[in-house]
Protein backbone atom coordinates (compact mmCIF):
# COMPACT_ATOMS: atom_id res chain seq x y z
CA UNK A 1 0.09 0.06 0.04
CA UNK A 2 1.27 3.55 -0.68
CA UNK A 3 1.50 5.67 2.37
CA UNK A 4 -0.18 8.69 0.89
CA UNK A 5 -3.32 10.78 0.96
CA UNK A 6 -4.50 11.30 -2.52
CA UNK A 7 -5.73 14.81 -3.53
CA UNK A 8 -7.26 15.73 -6.80
CA UNK A 9 -7.76 19.34 -7.29
CA UNK A 10 -9.85 21.40 -9.49
CA UNK A 11 -8.23 24.12 -11.61
CA UNK A 12 -5.58 25.94 -9.71
CA UNK A 13 -4.55 28.41 -12.39
CA UNK A 14 -8.24 29.74 -13.12
CA UNK A 15 -7.98 28.27 -16.65
CA UNK A 16 -11.52 28.02 -18.24
CA UNK A 17 -12.87 25.90 -21.20
CA UNK A 18 -15.49 28.12 -22.63
CA UNK A 19 -18.83 26.41 -23.24
CA UNK A 20 -18.21 22.94 -21.66
CA UNK A 21 -17.51 24.45 -18.14
CA UNK A 22 -20.79 26.13 -18.16
CA UNK A 23 -22.32 22.68 -17.36
CA UNK A 24 -19.54 20.80 -15.45
CA UNK A 25 -16.18 21.02 -13.79
CA UNK A 26 -13.23 20.22 -15.93
CA UNK A 27 -12.78 16.77 -14.40
CA UNK A 28 -16.07 15.75 -15.47
CA UNK A 29 -15.28 16.57 -19.15
CA UNK A 30 -15.64 13.70 -21.57
CA UNK A 31 -12.64 12.36 -23.13
CA UNK A 32 -12.10 9.73 -25.99
CA UNK A 33 -15.77 8.96 -26.17
CA UNK A 34 -16.12 6.99 -23.01
CA UNK A 35 -13.81 8.43 -20.21
CA UNK A 36 -13.99 11.53 -18.25
CA UNK A 37 -10.93 13.37 -17.56
CA UNK A 38 -10.91 12.88 -13.89
CA UNK A 39 -10.60 9.04 -14.48
CA UNK A 40 -6.83 9.54 -15.17
CA UNK A 41 -5.67 11.07 -11.92
CA UNK A 42 -7.96 8.66 -10.04
CA UNK A 43 -6.89 5.67 -11.94
CA UNK A 44 -3.27 6.53 -11.35
CA UNK A 45 -3.93 6.72 -7.64
CA UNK A 46 -5.84 3.43 -7.66
CA UNK A 47 -3.22 1.64 -9.48
CA UNK A 48 -0.63 3.09 -7.26
CA UNK A 49 -2.41 1.53 -4.24
CA UNK A 50 -3.59 4.85 -2.67
CA UNK A 51 -6.76 4.03 -1.07
CA UNK A 52 -7.62 7.14 0.46
CA UNK A 53 -8.45 10.11 -2.02
CA UNK A 54 -10.11 13.40 -1.74
CA UNK A 55 -11.51 15.11 -4.83
CA UNK A 56 -11.99 18.93 -4.42
CA UNK A 57 -14.94 20.61 -6.57
CA UNK A 58 -15.46 24.12 -6.94
CA UNK A 59 -18.51 24.68 -9.24
CA UNK A 60 -21.44 22.61 -11.03
CA UNK A 61 -20.74 19.59 -8.95
CA UNK A 62 -23.50 17.40 -9.68
CA UNK A 63 -22.16 15.71 -13.00
CA UNK A 64 -18.92 14.87 -11.17
CA UNK A 65 -20.39 13.81 -7.93
CA UNK A 66 -22.70 11.36 -9.87
CA UNK A 67 -19.75 10.04 -11.80
CA UNK A 68 -17.59 9.30 -8.73
CA UNK A 69 -20.39 8.01 -6.42
CA UNK A 70 -18.71 5.78 -3.81
CA UNK A 71 -15.41 5.11 -5.78
CA UNK A 72 -16.37 1.37 -6.50
CA UNK A 73 -15.76 1.92 -10.25
CA UNK A 74 -12.25 2.98 -9.67
CA UNK A 75 -11.20 -0.07 -7.85
CA UNK A 76 -10.55 1.49 -4.62
CA UNK A 77 -10.05 -0.66 -1.81
CA UNK A 78 -13.67 -1.73 -0.68
CA UNK A 79 -12.85 -2.28 3.02
CA UNK A 80 -10.16 0.20 3.84
CA UNK A 81 -10.49 2.75 0.97
CA UNK A 82 -12.40 5.96 0.86
CA UNK A 83 -13.04 8.53 -1.84
CA UNK A 84 -14.29 11.78 -0.59
CA UNK A 85 -15.76 14.62 -2.66
CA UNK A 86 -14.96 17.88 -0.90
CA UNK A 87 -16.74 21.10 -1.87
CA UNK A 88 -15.36 24.53 -1.43
CA UNK A 89 -17.45 27.71 -1.15
CA UNK A 90 -17.30 29.92 -3.83
CA UNK A 91 -16.70 33.67 -3.25
CA UNK A 92 -19.29 35.65 -4.99
CA UNK A 93 -17.29 38.77 -4.34
CA UNK A 94 -14.38 38.04 -6.32
CA UNK A 95 -13.10 34.87 -8.26
CA UNK A 96 -9.66 35.56 -7.24
CA UNK A 97 -10.24 34.39 -3.81
CA UNK A 98 -11.19 30.88 -5.20
CA UNK A 99 -8.06 29.08 -5.07
CA UNK A 100 -6.90 25.60 -4.32
CA UNK A 101 -5.24 26.77 -1.10
CA UNK A 102 -8.64 28.17 -0.07
CA UNK A 103 -10.54 24.77 -0.58
CA UNK A 104 -7.69 22.95 1.47
CA UNK A 105 -8.03 25.53 4.28
CA UNK A 106 -11.79 24.91 4.39
CA UNK A 107 -11.28 21.17 4.81
CA UNK A 108 -7.94 21.19 6.70
CA UNK A 109 -9.60 19.27 9.59
CA UNK A 110 -10.36 16.53 7.43
CA UNK A 111 -6.70 16.45 5.85
CA UNK A 112 -5.39 16.60 9.53
CA UNK A 113 -7.37 13.50 10.41
CA UNK A 114 -5.73 11.41 7.61
CA UNK A 115 -3.52 8.73 8.91
CA UNK A 116 -1.05 8.96 6.06
CA UNK A 117 2.31 10.40 6.22
CA UNK A 118 2.36 11.78 2.83
CA UNK A 119 0.28 13.47 0.27
CA UNK A 120 0.18 13.33 -3.35
CA UNK A 121 -1.63 16.02 -5.17
CA UNK A 122 -2.73 15.96 -8.68
CA UNK A 123 -4.92 18.25 -10.83
CA UNK A 124 -8.19 17.20 -12.35
CA UNK A 125 -7.82 18.63 -15.73
CA UNK A 126 -4.59 16.91 -16.95
CA UNK A 127 -4.36 13.68 -18.73
CA UNK A 128 -1.30 11.36 -17.98
CA UNK A 129 -0.49 8.09 -16.68
CA UNK A 130 2.01 7.90 -13.81
CA UNK A 131 3.01 5.36 -10.92
CA UNK A 132 2.56 7.53 -7.92
CA UNK A 133 3.95 4.89 -5.71
CA UNK A 134 7.32 4.88 -7.66
CA UNK A 135 7.11 8.78 -7.67
CA UNK A 136 6.73 8.59 -3.71
CA UNK A 137 9.71 6.28 -3.42
CA UNK A 138 11.82 8.53 -5.58
CA UNK A 139 10.71 11.49 -3.35
CA UNK A 140 11.65 9.67 -0.21
CA UNK A 141 15.12 8.60 -1.46
CA UNK A 142 16.11 11.93 -2.71
CA UNK A 143 15.64 13.68 0.68
CA UNK A 144 13.58 16.47 -0.90
CA UNK A 145 11.06 18.45 1.10
CA UNK A 146 8.71 18.74 -1.96
CA UNK A 147 8.90 16.78 -5.36
CA UNK A 148 7.29 18.33 -8.52
CA UNK A 149 6.38 16.23 -11.40
CA UNK A 150 7.00 17.97 -14.87
CA UNK A 151 7.02 17.12 -18.65
CA UNK A 152 9.59 18.30 -21.13
CA UNK A 153 7.90 19.82 -24.34
CA UNK A 154 9.12 21.45 -27.40
CA UNK A 155 5.72 23.07 -28.59
CA UNK A 156 5.24 25.43 -25.50
CA UNK A 157 4.88 28.41 -28.02
CA UNK A 158 1.52 27.51 -28.89
CA UNK A 159 0.77 24.72 -26.47
CA UNK A 160 0.27 24.55 -22.62
CA UNK A 161 -0.32 28.39 -22.53
CA UNK A 162 -0.87 29.66 -19.07
CA UNK A 163 0.18 26.24 -17.62
CA UNK A 164 2.77 26.41 -14.84
CA UNK A 165 6.40 25.80 -15.74
CA UNK A 166 9.50 24.87 -13.62
CA UNK A 167 12.72 26.50 -13.94
CA UNK A 168 15.40 23.89 -12.95
CA UNK A 169 19.09 23.85 -12.10
CA UNK A 170 21.52 21.21 -13.24
CA UNK A 171 20.44 19.03 -10.18
CA UNK A 172 16.85 19.22 -10.80
CA UNK A 173 16.29 21.69 -8.05
CA UNK A 174 13.37 23.98 -8.66
CA UNK A 175 14.43 27.59 -8.81
CA UNK A 176 11.10 28.95 -9.59
CA UNK A 177 7.61 28.30 -10.90
CA UNK A 178 6.33 30.62 -13.68
CA UNK A 179 3.51 30.88 -16.33
CA UNK A 180 4.06 29.61 -19.84
CA UNK A 181 3.31 32.77 -21.86
CA UNK A 182 4.39 31.34 -25.31
CA UNK A 183 7.68 32.98 -25.28
CA UNK A 184 9.73 29.85 -25.97
CA UNK A 185 9.21 26.44 -27.56
CA UNK A 186 11.17 24.40 -24.90
CA UNK A 187 9.69 24.41 -21.48
CA UNK A 188 9.35 22.18 -18.37
CA UNK A 189 5.68 22.19 -17.98
CA UNK A 190 4.71 21.37 -14.35
CA UNK A 191 1.90 18.82 -14.06
CA UNK A 192 0.64 20.45 -11.01
CA UNK A 193 1.57 17.25 -9.07
CA UNK A 194 3.19 17.46 -5.81
CA UNK A 195 4.63 14.86 -3.39
CA UNK A 196 5.37 16.00 0.16
CA UNK A 197 5.02 15.09 3.89
CA UNK A 198 1.30 15.66 5.06
CA UNK A 199 2.57 17.77 8.02
CA UNK A 200 4.51 19.91 5.73
CA UNK A 201 1.44 20.27 3.34
CA UNK A 202 -0.68 21.58 6.36
CA UNK A 203 2.14 23.98 7.17
CA UNK A 204 2.20 25.21 3.65
CA UNK A 205 -1.60 25.75 3.64
CA UNK A 206 -1.22 28.02 6.79
CA UNK A 207 1.80 29.83 5.45
CA UNK A 208 0.21 30.71 2.18
CA UNK A 209 -3.04 32.35 3.97
CA UNK A 210 -0.38 34.42 5.86
CA UNK A 211 1.47 35.36 2.56
CA UNK A 212 -1.74 36.31 0.77
CA UNK A 213 -5.40 35.30 0.79
CA UNK A 214 -5.29 34.67 -3.00
CA UNK A 215 -2.20 32.42 -3.22
CA UNK A 216 -2.24 29.13 -4.91
CA UNK A 217 -0.18 26.12 -3.98
CA UNK A 218 1.83 26.69 -7.07
CA UNK A 219 2.72 30.37 -5.88
CA UNK A 220 3.19 29.08 -2.35
CA UNK A 221 5.96 26.57 -3.50
CA UNK A 222 7.45 29.30 -5.71
CA UNK A 223 7.84 31.38 -2.78
CA UNK A 224 9.41 28.40 -0.98
CA UNK A 225 11.85 27.88 -3.69
CA UNK A 226 13.05 31.61 -3.98
CA UNK A 227 13.39 31.92 -0.24
CA UNK A 228 15.39 28.68 0.18
CA UNK A 229 13.10 27.48 2.99
CA UNK A 230 12.80 24.06 1.58
CA UNK A 231 14.47 21.67 -0.85
CA UNK A 232 12.06 21.52 -3.94
CA UNK A 233 12.92 19.14 -6.77
CA UNK A 234 11.52 18.13 -10.08
CA UNK A 235 11.08 14.56 -11.43
CA UNK A 236 10.73 14.27 -15.32
CA UNK A 237 7.46 12.52 -16.50
CA UNK A 238 7.66 10.17 -19.47
CA UNK A 239 4.70 9.60 -21.86
CA UNK A 240 1.70 11.33 -23.12
CA UNK A 241 0.35 14.49 -21.33
CA UNK A 242 -2.36 16.73 -22.22
CA UNK A 243 -3.71 19.81 -20.26
CA UNK A 244 -7.33 20.76 -20.92
CA UNK A 245 -6.69 24.31 -19.97
CA UNK A 246 -8.80 25.94 -22.75
CA UNK A 247 -11.29 24.98 -25.58
CA UNK A 248 -8.77 24.09 -28.20
CA UNK A 249 -6.42 22.11 -25.85
CA UNK A 250 -9.44 20.04 -24.93
CA UNK A 251 -10.41 19.50 -28.68
CA UNK A 252 -6.82 18.62 -29.59
CA UNK A 253 -6.36 16.09 -26.69
CA UNK A 254 -9.48 14.12 -27.85
CA UNK A 255 -8.29 14.31 -31.44
CA UNK A 256 -4.77 13.08 -30.44
CA UNK A 257 -6.53 9.87 -29.44
CA UNK A 258 -6.92 8.96 -33.11
CA UNK A 259 -3.37 8.38 -33.45
CA UNK A 260 -2.74 4.84 -32.55
CA UNK A 261 0.86 5.49 -31.30
CA UNK A 262 -0.11 8.25 -29.04
CA UNK A 263 -3.25 6.36 -27.75
CA UNK A 264 -1.16 3.15 -27.06
CA UNK A 265 1.35 5.53 -24.87
CA UNK A 266 -1.41 6.81 -22.67
CA UNK A 267 -3.57 3.48 -22.44
CA UNK A 268 -1.38 0.56 -21.09
CA UNK A 269 -3.03 -2.78 -20.54
CA UNK A 270 -0.92 -3.10 -17.35
CA UNK A 271 -2.07 0.29 -16.10
CA UNK A 272 -5.76 0.39 -16.57
CA UNK A 273 -7.94 3.45 -16.73
CA UNK A 274 -11.08 2.83 -14.94
CA UNK A 275 -14.44 4.63 -15.63
CA UNK A 276 -18.03 4.25 -14.99
CA UNK A 277 -19.32 1.66 -17.40
CA UNK A 278 -22.77 2.08 -19.27
CA UNK A 279 -24.49 -1.41 -20.14
CA UNK A 280 -25.89 -0.68 -23.78
CA UNK A 281 -26.02 -2.58 -27.14
CA UNK A 282 -23.12 -2.36 -29.53
CA UNK A 283 -23.28 0.44 -32.35
CA UNK A 284 -25.50 -0.14 -35.06
CA UNK A 285 -24.06 0.38 -38.41
CA UNK A 286 -26.53 0.67 -41.25
CA UNK A 287 -26.01 -0.01 -45.01
CA UNK A 288 -25.59 3.72 -45.60
CA UNK A 289 -23.36 4.38 -42.55
CA UNK A 290 -19.45 4.61 -43.16
CA UNK A 291 -16.68 5.21 -40.55
CA UNK A 292 -13.00 5.72 -40.91
CA UNK A 293 -10.20 6.60 -38.40
CA UNK A 294 -12.62 7.34 -35.69
CA UNK A 295 -13.38 6.12 -32.08
CA UNK A 296 -17.12 5.37 -31.87
CA UNK A 297 -18.53 4.19 -28.40
CA UNK A 298 -21.48 1.80 -27.91
CA UNK A 299 -24.89 2.55 -28.13
CA UNK A 300 -24.71 4.69 -31.36
CA UNK A 301 -26.88 4.57 -34.61
CA UNK A 302 -24.54 5.21 -37.63
CA UNK A 303 -26.42 5.87 -40.87
CA UNK A 304 -24.19 8.58 -42.14
CA UNK A 305 -20.47 9.15 -42.68
CA UNK A 306 -17.99 9.48 -39.68
CA UNK A 307 -14.25 10.56 -40.47
CA UNK A 308 -11.64 11.27 -38.15
CA UNK A 309 -14.08 11.76 -35.16
CA UNK A 310 -14.61 11.00 -31.64
CA UNK A 311 -18.20 9.77 -31.06
CA UNK A 312 -19.62 9.35 -27.56
CA UNK A 313 -22.24 6.86 -26.25
CA UNK A 314 -25.71 6.87 -27.73
CA UNK A 315 -24.99 9.27 -30.48
CA UNK A 316 -27.27 9.27 -33.72
CA UNK A 317 -25.81 10.11 -37.06
CA UNK A 318 -28.69 10.19 -39.63
CA UNK A 319 -28.38 9.25 -43.54
CA UNK A 320 -26.53 11.56 -45.45
CA UNK A 321 -24.91 13.29 -42.56
CA UNK A 322 -21.04 13.86 -42.47
CA UNK A 323 -19.08 14.36 -39.31
CA UNK A 324 -15.36 14.98 -39.84
CA UNK A 325 -12.76 15.92 -37.40
CA UNK A 326 -15.30 16.58 -34.57
CA UNK A 327 -15.85 15.51 -31.05
CA UNK A 328 -19.57 14.55 -30.59
CA UNK A 329 -20.51 13.84 -26.88
CA UNK A 330 -23.03 11.31 -25.70
CA UNK A 331 -26.82 11.15 -26.80
CA UNK A 332 -26.33 13.93 -29.46
CA UNK A 333 -28.16 13.57 -32.85
CA UNK A 334 -26.71 14.79 -36.22
CA UNK A 335 -29.68 14.95 -38.55
CA UNK A 336 -30.04 14.06 -42.30
CA UNK A 337 -27.63 15.57 -44.76
CA UNK A 338 -26.05 17.83 -42.04
CA UNK A 339 -22.31 18.58 -42.59
CA UNK A 340 -20.43 18.94 -39.26
CA UNK A 341 -16.82 19.64 -39.23
CA UNK A 342 -14.23 20.74 -36.57
CA UNK A 343 -16.96 20.90 -33.87
CA UNK A 344 -17.31 19.89 -30.32
CA UNK A 345 -21.01 18.88 -29.87
CA UNK A 346 -22.07 18.70 -26.37
CA UNK A 347 -24.32 15.98 -24.85
CA UNK A 348 -27.93 15.87 -26.03
CA UNK A 349 -27.59 18.61 -28.77
CA UNK A 350 -29.34 18.04 -31.94
CA UNK A 351 -28.31 19.55 -35.38
CA UNK A 352 -31.48 19.12 -37.53
CA UNK A 353 -32.26 22.40 -39.27
CA UNK A 354 -29.01 23.67 -40.48
CA UNK A 355 -26.97 22.23 -43.47
CA UNK A 356 -23.48 23.25 -42.26
CA UNK A 357 -21.70 23.71 -38.91
CA UNK A 358 -17.98 24.15 -40.01
CA UNK A 359 -14.92 25.32 -37.87
CA UNK A 360 -11.26 25.24 -38.57
CA UNK A 361 -8.51 23.30 -37.01
CA UNK A 362 -7.23 26.49 -35.47
CA UNK A 363 -10.67 27.56 -34.18
CA UNK A 364 -13.05 24.54 -33.58
CA UNK A 365 -16.65 25.39 -32.89
CA UNK A 366 -18.80 24.44 -30.20
CA UNK A 367 -22.47 23.28 -30.10
CA UNK A 368 -24.27 23.88 -26.61
CA UNK A 369 -25.63 21.01 -24.39
CA UNK A 370 -29.22 20.33 -25.07
CA UNK A 371 -29.30 22.98 -27.90
CA UNK A 372 -31.15 22.36 -31.15
CA UNK A 373 -29.81 23.91 -34.45
């Protein structure tokens, strides 16, 4: 068993995915047709034998709370394990007060009562696979006070914008934590994943509130790096990483899964990604239906053409309809002869009365949940 309390946070950087986030928190976003984004940090913790997990939710909690339920779908130890969904009160005065640290401070008594000696903190809006048990072992062996997981990228000029980055010395010591403003291609993207002793985490929460009421945990750790109060080190992550930090990055992360090599680097049979299953019939392909290079979930009805797209559960694509380079979420309907390209179609939407809904790779469009076009 991994001696760590698992903590999954909502967005700590005040990122916003326009449209989708009006209806659910980032962790509840659909991914690759059948998963939710939060399934990845939860599965990482479950596979790492972390059996005490806290999930922090800030707004629109219903869909995420329903998805998580009691945690049984995520293979959490049924006798000793526990999944807690913890809510933080939003400040209606100014959103700047709604930080991850504020959420921790509201629930600090619950954190203190945990019997674990360490905490592993991960965000709900990043998609990657990682053995947290091995990460904890590396942290303990290094003697560091805080370990930060990061991923090296060469496309930071136009990806991972506003995500945190780590500035490292040659010994992988963290000198500072900064925002990615798109000024350089090569960056160490911080996965907002920390390992530290629980007592130190509690101490940082209290110190953060003394520094500023609007400090995030990243700003608090950045302060610790610059002051030299703690030994903060980085550990490199290997494999696929996506950050659903804005609408385009969410769209592109889904489309990445159409590349078999990329998908295989994320989905490892020896490291399963758990989710809530839906029992339904297989997808029904009619004589007029065609599909190529697409991920199509169960329960769909395909009478039209699907190319290079992600199709969620229970979607209906009528005869003559063409869906290309799009992400269509569950239970939506694409009507007869509709042409849909470069779109994210939210759940239960119906495209019935328009001939063309077309975006571009640089600016994909969005069809609202429950909307009728």
